[in-house]
Amino acid sequence: MNRIEAFRGRKFTIAYARDKSGESPGATFFESLSLEDKAKLMNLFRLAADHGSFHNDQKFGDLGEGLFEFKSHQLRMPFAHAKERGLILITHGFHKKKVKTPKEEIERGRRLFREDQERTRLRLIGKRDK
């Protein structure tokens, strides 16, 4: 099952990671947002995909160990770089209610990213066997 693409830019393609059941929590979260919030996040996706830099701490956060987040006011969408060259995977989204990003959201992002990478590895192995 292919990933849902969020944005294709000059340097990166941004897509939503799939969990072990094949669902895309990031895509589900994004679709639940208002048009205004979607537009704000799409601007961040465009910046990241076209320029490939995440130097604005107000718009991009570093969660550590290769996990980052798109930031739009209280909206957060964690992401990581996938093994595939030029691919950024958004793991999920949430409304941040505290000063710091909750540890459980960081762990969820890491878990979803690992699940996506494992699904991709298994899918590639399956294609070779056929």
Foldseek 3Di string as FASTA:
>chain_A
DDFAWDDAEPQATETFFAALVRDGQAVVQLVVDDPVVNVVVSVVVHCCNHPVDDPDCQQKADPDPQKIWGDDPQKIWIWGAAPPGRYIYTRHIDGHDDPDDDPVVVVSSVNRRVRRNVVVVVVVVVVVVD
